[in-house]
Protein backbone atom coordinates (compact mmCIF):
# COMPACT_ATOMS: atom_id res chain seq x y z
CA UNK A 1 1.25 7.67 51.29
CA UNK A 2 2.24 4.26 52.21
CA UNK A 3 -0.16 2.36 50.36
CA UNK A 4 0.11 4.44 47.49
CA UNK A 5 3.90 3.87 47.07
CA UNK A 6 3.01 -0.07 47.94
CA UNK A 7 0.52 -0.15 45.14
CA UNK A 8 3.46 1.37 42.38
CA UNK A 9 5.90 -0.99 44.02
CA UNK A 10 3.91 -4.32 43.32
CA UNK A 11 2.73 -2.56 39.82
CA UNK A 12 6.53 -2.45 38.67
CA UNK A 13 6.74 -6.06 39.64
CA UNK A 14 5.10 -7.04 37.26
CA UNK A 15 6.55 -4.52 34.20
CA UNK A 16 7.33 -7.81 32.55
CA UNK A 17 3.80 -7.42 31.57
CA UNK A 18 3.77 -3.95 31.11
CA UNK A 19 6.95 -4.11 28.87
CA UNK A 20 5.64 -6.99 26.80
CA UNK A 21 2.83 -5.90 25.59
CA UNK A 22 4.27 -2.26 24.75
CA UNK A 23 7.12 -3.68 22.62
CA UNK A 24 5.10 -6.03 20.75
CA UNK A 25 2.68 -2.74 20.28
CA UNK A 26 5.39 -0.92 19.02
CA UNK A 27 6.84 -3.74 16.66
CA UNK A 28 3.17 -3.48 15.12
CA UNK A 29 3.51 0.35 14.91
CA UNK A 30 6.83 -0.16 13.31
CA UNK A 31 5.57 -2.48 10.68
CA UNK A 32 2.47 0.25 9.74
CA UNK A 33 4.89 3.48 9.67
CA UNK A 34 7.02 1.15 7.06
CA UNK A 35 3.74 0.14 5.07
CA UNK A 36 2.55 4.09 5.35
CA UNK A 37 5.94 5.11 3.91
CA UNK A 38 5.35 2.93 0.91
CA UNK A 39 1.91 4.35 0.39
CA UNK A 40 3.04 7.88 0.47
CA UNK A 41 5.98 7.67 -1.95
CA UNK A 42 3.04 7.52 -4.89
CA UNK A 43 0.11 6.02 -6.29
CA UNK A 44 0.17 2.97 -8.98
CA UNK A 45 -2.94 2.04 -10.59
CA UNK A 46 -3.32 -1.86 -10.16
CA UNK A 47 -5.67 -4.53 -11.56
CA UNK A 48 -8.72 -5.33 -8.70
CA UNK A 49 -10.52 -8.54 -8.98
CA UNK A 50 -13.83 -7.04 -9.10
CA UNK A 51 -17.22 -9.07 -8.45
CA UNK A 52 -20.35 -8.03 -10.28
CA UNK A 53 -24.01 -8.61 -9.68
CA UNK A 54 -26.08 -6.91 -12.62
CA UNK A 55 -29.56 -6.49 -11.88
CA UNK A 56 -29.97 -3.90 -14.43
CA UNK A 57 -29.35 -6.11 -17.31
CA UNK A 58 -29.24 -2.79 -19.49
CA UNK A 59 -26.98 -1.30 -22.34
CA UNK A 60 -25.86 1.43 -19.68
CA UNK A 61 -24.86 -1.43 -17.12
CA UNK A 62 -23.22 -3.82 -19.78
CA UNK A 63 -21.46 -0.57 -20.77
CA UNK A 64 -19.88 -0.26 -16.94
CA UNK A 65 -18.79 -3.72 -17.32
CA UNK A 66 -17.24 -3.41 -20.06
CA UNK A 67 -15.47 -0.18 -19.28
CA UNK A 68 -14.55 -2.17 -15.88
CA UNK A 69 -12.95 -5.03 -17.75
CA UNK A 70 -10.53 -3.16 -19.25
CA UNK A 71 -8.39 -2.65 -16.13
CA UNK A 72 -9.90 -5.07 -13.88
CA UNK A 73 -10.53 -8.98 -13.31
CA UNK A 74 -14.22 -9.43 -13.36
CA UNK A 75 -15.80 -12.19 -11.70
CA UNK A 76 -19.29 -13.17 -11.47
CA UNK A 77 -20.56 -13.39 -7.82
CA UNK A 78 -23.66 -14.06 -5.97
CA UNK A 79 -25.92 -11.31 -3.94
CA UNK A 80 -25.71 -12.13 -0.31
CA UNK A 81 -24.19 -9.88 1.48
CA UNK A 82 -22.55 -12.18 3.83
CA UNK A 83 -20.98 -13.94 1.48
CA UNK A 84 -19.98 -10.83 -0.36
CA UNK A 85 -17.94 -9.74 2.75
CA UNK A 86 -16.47 -13.19 3.61
CA UNK A 87 -14.65 -13.04 0.06
CA UNK A 88 -13.62 -9.70 0.77
CA UNK A 89 -11.86 -9.94 4.18
CA UNK A 90 -10.49 -13.01 2.97
CA UNK A 91 -9.03 -10.86 0.01
CA UNK A 92 -10.19 -13.05 -2.55
CA UNK A 93 -12.17 -9.80 -3.85
CA UNK A 94 -10.62 -6.51 -3.37
CA UNK A 95 -14.51 -5.20 -4.44
CA UNK A 96 -18.01 -6.13 -5.06
CA UNK A 97 -20.34 -4.24 -7.32
CA UNK A 98 -23.96 -4.43 -7.32
CA UNK A 99 -25.97 -3.04 -9.81
CA UNK A 100 -29.68 -2.11 -9.13
CA UNK A 101 -32.70 -3.14 -11.60
CA UNK A 102 -33.24 0.82 -11.84
CA UNK A 103 -29.68 1.68 -12.41
CA UNK A 104 -30.58 3.75 -15.56
CA UNK A 105 -33.05 5.68 -13.94
CA UNK A 106 -31.00 6.15 -10.64
CA UNK A 107 -28.47 7.53 -12.82
CA UNK A 108 -30.42 9.98 -14.61
CA UNK A 109 -31.99 11.15 -11.38
CA UNK A 110 -28.45 11.31 -10.16
CA UNK A 111 -29.09 9.38 -7.35
CA UNK A 112 -26.60 6.93 -5.61
CA UNK A 113 -26.93 4.31 -8.43
CA UNK A 114 -24.46 1.23 -7.39
CA UNK A 115 -23.84 -0.43 -4.03
CA UNK A 116 -20.19 -0.89 -3.65
CA UNK A 117 -18.38 -3.00 -1.01
CA UNK A 118 -14.81 -2.45 -0.54
CA UNK A 119 -12.00 -3.40 0.89
CA UNK A 120 -10.90 -0.30 2.80
CA UNK A 121 -7.82 -1.66 4.12
CA UNK A 122 -6.53 -1.20 0.66
CA UNK A 123 -5.54 2.44 -0.96
CA UNK A 124 -6.84 0.72 -4.36
CA UNK A 125 -10.50 1.41 -3.07
CA UNK A 126 -9.68 4.67 -4.00
CA UNK A 127 -8.77 3.84 -7.61
CA UNK A 128 -12.42 1.99 -7.95
CA UNK A 129 -14.09 4.77 -6.49
CA UNK A 130 -12.44 7.33 -9.06
CA UNK A 131 -13.29 4.55 -11.98
CA UNK A 132 -17.17 4.61 -10.78
CA UNK A 133 -17.40 8.24 -10.63
CA UNK A 134 -15.82 9.08 -13.73
CA UNK A 135 -18.12 6.78 -15.60
CA UNK A 136 -21.29 7.97 -14.04
CA UNK A 137 -20.28 11.49 -14.52
CA UNK A 138 -19.74 11.03 -18.55
CA UNK A 139 -22.65 8.63 -18.65
CA UNK A 140 -25.10 11.21 -17.39
CA UNK A 141 -23.43 13.62 -19.79
CA UNK A 142 -24.06 11.17 -22.35
CA UNK A 143 -27.78 11.51 -21.65
CA UNK A 144 -30.01 12.88 -24.66
CA UNK A 145 -33.54 13.12 -25.88
CA UNK A 146 -34.50 10.02 -23.27
CA UNK A 147 -31.86 7.77 -23.92
CA UNK A 148 -27.84 7.26 -23.29
CA UNK A 149 -25.74 7.65 -26.27
CA UNK A 150 -22.88 4.31 -25.94
CA UNK A 151 -20.27 5.84 -28.42
CA UNK A 152 -20.39 9.24 -27.17
CA UNK A 153 -19.47 7.39 -23.31
CA UNK A 154 -16.79 4.96 -24.97
CA UNK A 155 -15.38 7.91 -26.61
CA UNK A 156 -15.18 10.13 -23.55
CA UNK A 157 -14.14 7.26 -21.12
CA UNK A 158 -11.08 6.80 -24.17
CA UNK A 159 -9.55 10.07 -23.57
CA UNK A 160 -6.50 10.26 -21.36
CA UNK A 161 -5.13 13.54 -20.03
CA UNK A 162 -2.11 14.82 -19.63
CA UNK A 163 -1.14 15.44 -16.09
CA UNK A 164 2.25 17.10 -14.70
CA UNK A 165 3.09 16.30 -11.17
CA UNK A 166 4.43 19.66 -9.39
CA UNK A 167 5.40 19.90 -5.65
CA UNK A 168 2.96 21.60 -3.46
CA UNK A 169 4.46 24.17 -1.16
CA UNK A 170 1.72 24.09 1.52
CA UNK A 171 1.12 21.14 3.41
CA UNK A 172 -2.71 19.44 3.07
CA UNK A 173 -3.94 16.72 5.27
CA UNK A 174 -2.24 13.87 4.20
CA UNK A 175 -4.69 10.42 4.03
CA UNK A 176 -1.85 7.93 4.69
CA UNK A 177 -0.78 9.50 8.23
CA UNK A 178 -4.34 10.14 8.93
CA UNK A 179 -4.82 6.40 8.50
CA UNK A 180 -1.80 5.37 10.21
CA UNK A 181 -2.50 7.24 13.54
CA UNK A 182 -5.91 5.79 13.21
CA UNK A 183 -4.81 2.20 13.05
CA UNK A 184 -2.23 2.88 15.87
CA UNK A 185 -4.51 4.17 18.46
CA UNK A 186 -6.89 1.59 17.75
CA UNK A 187 -4.18 -1.01 18.36
CA UNK A 188 -3.29 1.39 21.56
CA UNK A 189 -6.96 0.37 22.60
CA UNK A 190 -6.30 -3.41 22.52
CA UNK A 191 -2.87 -3.17 24.69
CA UNK A 192 -4.77 -0.46 26.89
CA UNK A 193 -7.48 -3.28 28.06
CA UNK A 194 -4.99 -6.19 28.34
CA UNK A 195 -2.16 -4.25 30.42
CA UNK A 196 -4.98 -2.33 32.69
CA UNK A 197 -6.88 -5.79 33.54
CA UNK A 198 -3.62 -7.66 33.76
CA UNK A 199 -1.45 -5.59 35.54
CA UNK A 200 -3.99 -3.41 38.12
CA UNK A 201 -6.02 -6.72 38.16
CA UNK A 202 -3.03 -8.40 39.66
CA UNK A 203 -2.03 -5.81 41.62
CA UNK A 204 -5.37 -5.63 43.55
CA UNK A 205 -5.58 -9.18 43.94
CA UNK A 206 -2.81 -8.63 46.26
CA UNK A 207 -4.75 -5.85 48.35
CA UNK A 208 -7.74 -8.26 48.25
CA UNK A 209 -5.60 -11.06 50.04
CA UNK A 210 -6.70 -12.10 52.92
CA UNK A 211 -3.88 -11.40 55.04
CA UNK A 212 -3.43 -8.28 53.59
CA UNK A 213 -7.27 -7.11 54.40
CA UNK A 214 -6.78 -8.38 58.09
CA UNK A 215 -3.70 -6.40 58.44
CA UNK A 216 -5.59 -3.48 57.09
CA UNK A 217 -8.38 -3.42 59.42
CA UNK A 218 -6.35 -3.43 62.58
CA UNK A 219 -4.19 -0.48 61.42
CA UNK A 220 -5.31 3.44 61.81
CA UNK A 221 -5.88 3.77 58.14
CA UNK A 222 -8.97 5.02 57.43
CA UNK A 223 -11.16 3.28 54.82
CA UNK A 224 -11.52 6.52 52.81
CA UNK A 225 -8.01 7.68 52.87
CA UNK A 226 -7.01 3.92 51.65
CA UNK A 227 -9.16 3.97 48.78
CA UNK A 228 -7.91 7.52 47.51
CA UNK A 229 -4.46 6.13 47.70
CA UNK A 230 -5.28 2.83 46.14
CA UNK A 231 -7.28 4.71 43.17
CA UNK A 232 -4.49 7.56 42.93
CA UNK A 233 -1.97 4.56 42.24
CA UNK A 234 -4.44 3.06 39.53
CA UNK A 235 -4.59 6.99 37.84
CA UNK A 236 -0.77 7.03 38.10
CA UNK A 237 -0.26 3.90 36.15
CA UNK A 238 -2.88 4.06 33.68
CA UNK A 239 -1.47 7.37 33.01
CA UNK A 240 1.65 6.68 32.63
CA UNK A 241 0.73 4.01 30.07
CA UNK A 242 -1.34 6.56 28.28
CA UNK A 243 1.95 8.94 28.01
CA UNK A 244 3.62 6.15 26.69
CA UNK A 245 1.42 5.63 23.71
CA UNK A 246 0.88 9.14 23.16
CA UNK A 247 4.70 9.69 23.22
CA UNK A 248 5.15 6.79 20.47
CA UNK A 249 2.77 8.32 18.14
CA UNK A 250 4.84 11.47 18.31
CA UNK A 251 8.37 9.71 17.81
CA UNK A 252 7.09 7.72 15.22
CA UNK A 253 4.64 10.38 13.15
CA UNK A 254 5.40 13.33 14.90
CA UNK A 255 5.87 15.41 11.67
CA UNK A 256 2.52 14.48 10.60
CA UNK A 257 0.73 15.85 13.67
CA UNK A 258 -0.05 18.88 11.80
CA UNK A 259 -2.01 17.14 9.29
CA UNK A 260 -4.37 15.53 11.27
CA UNK A 261 -6.78 16.18 14.24
CA UNK A 262 -4.14 14.81 16.86
CA UNK A 263 -6.12 16.44 20.00
CA UNK A 264 -9.04 14.00 18.96
CA UNK A 265 -6.92 10.91 19.39
CA UNK A 266 -5.69 12.26 22.64
CA UNK A 267 -9.32 13.01 24.25
CA UNK A 268 -10.34 9.85 22.80
CA UNK A 269 -7.47 7.61 24.52
CA UNK A 270 -7.96 9.58 27.22
CA UNK A 271 -11.92 8.69 27.98
CA UNK A 272 -11.37 5.21 26.60
CA UNK A 273 -8.32 4.41 29.29
CA UNK A 274 -10.85 5.99 32.22
CA UNK A 275 -13.66 3.41 31.16
CA UNK A 276 -11.27 0.66 31.15
CA UNK A 277 -10.29 1.58 34.40
CA UNK A 278 -13.95 1.17 35.60
CA UNK A 279 -14.13 -2.28 34.00
CA UNK A 280 -10.88 -3.06 35.59
CA UNK A 281 -12.62 -1.89 39.17
CA UNK A 282 -15.27 -4.28 38.29
CA UNK A 283 -13.34 -7.56 37.60
CA UNK A 284 -11.45 -6.53 41.16
CA UNK A 285 -14.73 -6.91 43.21
CA UNK A 286 -15.69 -9.78 41.35
CA UNK A 287 -12.80 -11.89 41.77
CA UNK A 288 -9.53 -12.17 43.02
CA UNK A 289 -7.72 -14.92 41.45
CA UNK A 290 -4.97 -14.25 39.54
CA UNK A 291 -5.29 -16.96 37.06
CA UNK A 292 -9.28 -16.28 36.35
CA UNK A 293 -7.88 -12.25 35.69
CA UNK A 294 -5.11 -13.06 33.60
CA UNK A 295 -7.83 -15.31 31.43
CA UNK A 296 -10.08 -12.08 31.57
CA UNK A 297 -7.31 -9.87 30.54
CA UNK A 298 -6.86 -11.62 27.18
CA UNK A 299 -10.13 -12.61 26.15
CA UNK A 300 -11.53 -9.01 26.77
CA UNK A 301 -8.96 -7.60 25.04
CA UNK A 302 -8.71 -9.63 22.24
CA UNK A 303 -12.69 -10.42 22.03
CA UNK A 304 -13.57 -6.91 21.98
CA UNK A 305 -10.79 -5.80 19.74
CA UNK A 306 -12.26 -8.43 16.92
CA UNK A 307 -15.89 -7.39 16.98
CA UNK A 308 -15.20 -3.93 17.69
CA UNK A 309 -12.97 -3.19 14.74
CA UNK A 310 -9.60 -2.89 16.02
CA UNK A 311 -7.99 -6.17 13.88
CA UNK A 312 -10.74 -5.97 11.50
CA UNK A 313 -12.34 -2.40 9.96
CA UNK A 314 -16.06 -2.15 11.01
CA UNK A 315 -16.89 -1.71 7.06
CA UNK A 316 -16.34 -5.52 6.88
CA UNK A 317 -17.92 -6.81 10.02
CA UNK A 318 -21.42 -8.27 9.55
CA UNK A 319 -24.26 -6.12 11.12
CA UNK A 320 -24.75 -8.75 13.93
CA UNK A 321 -21.35 -8.82 14.71
CA UNK A 322 -21.79 -4.94 15.10
CA UNK A 323 -24.67 -5.02 17.16
CA UNK A 324 -23.10 -7.13 19.74
CA UNK A 325 -19.71 -4.84 19.50
CA UNK A 326 -22.03 -1.96 20.30
CA UNK A 327 -22.22 -3.23 24.01
CA UNK A 328 -18.89 -2.22 24.84
CA UNK A 329 -16.61 0.68 25.07
CA UNK A 330 -14.06 -0.12 22.22
CA UNK A 331 -16.80 0.12 19.48
CA UNK A 332 -17.57 3.90 20.08
CA UNK A 333 -13.33 4.54 20.52
CA UNK A 334 -12.66 2.75 17.51
CA UNK A 335 -15.42 4.88 15.42
CA UNK A 336 -13.90 8.01 16.93
CA UNK A 337 -10.58 6.94 15.63
CA UNK A 338 -11.96 6.25 12.12
CA UNK A 339 -13.76 9.36 12.04
CA UNK A 340 -13.20 12.51 10.13
CA UNK A 341 -13.94 15.54 11.86
CA UNK A 342 -14.35 19.22 12.28
CA UNK A 343 -14.46 19.87 15.61
CA UNK A 344 -14.71 17.85 19.01
CA UNK A 345 -18.52 18.31 19.31
CA UNK A 346 -18.51 15.80 15.84
CA UNK A 347 -17.55 13.19 18.38
CA UNK A 348 -19.69 14.11 21.40
CA UNK A 349 -21.85 10.83 20.88
CA UNK A 350 -19.26 8.43 20.87
CA UNK A 351 -17.37 9.94 23.86
CA UNK A 352 -20.76 10.13 26.21
CA UNK A 353 -21.24 6.51 25.11
CA UNK A 354 -17.70 5.53 26.56
CA UNK A 355 -18.33 7.40 29.84
CA UNK A 356 -21.69 5.88 30.29
CA UNK A 357 -20.22 2.46 30.11
CA UNK A 358 -17.82 3.58 32.62
CA UNK A 359 -20.69 5.01 34.95
CA UNK A 360 -22.17 1.62 34.46
CA UNK A 361 -19.36 -0.40 35.37
CA UNK A 362 -18.62 2.08 38.39
CA UNK A 363 -21.78 1.50 39.86
CA UNK A 364 -21.76 -2.45 39.43
CA UNK A 365 -18.37 -2.63 40.81
CA UNK A 366 -19.44 -0.62 43.90
CA UNK A 367 -22.09 -2.67 44.50
CA UNK A 368 -20.23 -5.97 44.64
CA UNK A 369 -17.66 -4.18 46.50
CA UNK A 370 -20.37 -3.18 49.28
CA UNK A 371 -21.25 -6.88 48.99
CA UNK A 372 -17.77 -7.85 49.96
CA UNK A 373 -17.53 -5.26 52.57
CA UNK A 374 -20.52 -6.80 54.43
CA UNK A 375 -19.52 -10.05 53.72
CA UNK A 376 -15.95 -9.51 55.61
CA UNK A 377 -17.78 -8.30 58.62
């Protein structure tokens, strides 16, 4: 296992890169944990900045606007999807509601009557959902003899229920904890890309050095055994880094593991790690330039994270951006973390896609590896 030990030794020389990335990651996790703790403490209704596009111009749509005005700031906005998403991303607006022309008929037919754009980064989006659901439910109940009764609707909406909060003895799924785990593992994906490409790439650059290759050629080490030890070293390093991320989630939110589908995050991270290892394998067979490898680690980790939903939720990203993101495994990794599932079968498509990317990267890497071997003969 001489090659394996040498691989680990060189990898540990780059521990500064690993520790820096992990330190930044855990610093972000602490901030997320603090924010999650504040969200778990309670819920306070707040005034939202809501943009409204009223294509209905009906008595019922006017009643909806008046109802929302009571607790929110209403802003007129143009009906342009890209502009709307930009305003929400910049936090100029908390949400935008588009009222269609056939709004009243959709309410009568109990169909989806409103198009709502909201900032899913904020828990206040749940507040808006509750307000809209309440209005639509009472509006439908007030429909009688072919028309809505605005008076009855107004009176129903003004009635307030007396609520007494009691402590629940049982533990239920905690939405704030689920959101924390989702964001935590999304950022773990970003660090995984950066560390794997930077550290493993730099180690392999040393192995691909001409002097080292010449020494290997004259040694008694067989090619198959040599590569087996190198890949074992890569897997060992990858597993160690992955275990650090998993251990971190247990340390920060171990008391909430029973309330989320923790196995989903573990399986997804392991599959994603394998996929990024294959990406690293491809890069190692394309270049041995350390500067270029470092640049790729930064560009690929940040670039794919921005367009795939790590930095910005996928719900806010434009359709064109998401169409490009689908060509990278990060997109499917983030989708799994953000999904609510009942079993692992619910995420089989996303896991299979990540594995398919891994196979493609591996095959392309093997092709360039074979070409490189022929060129060195």
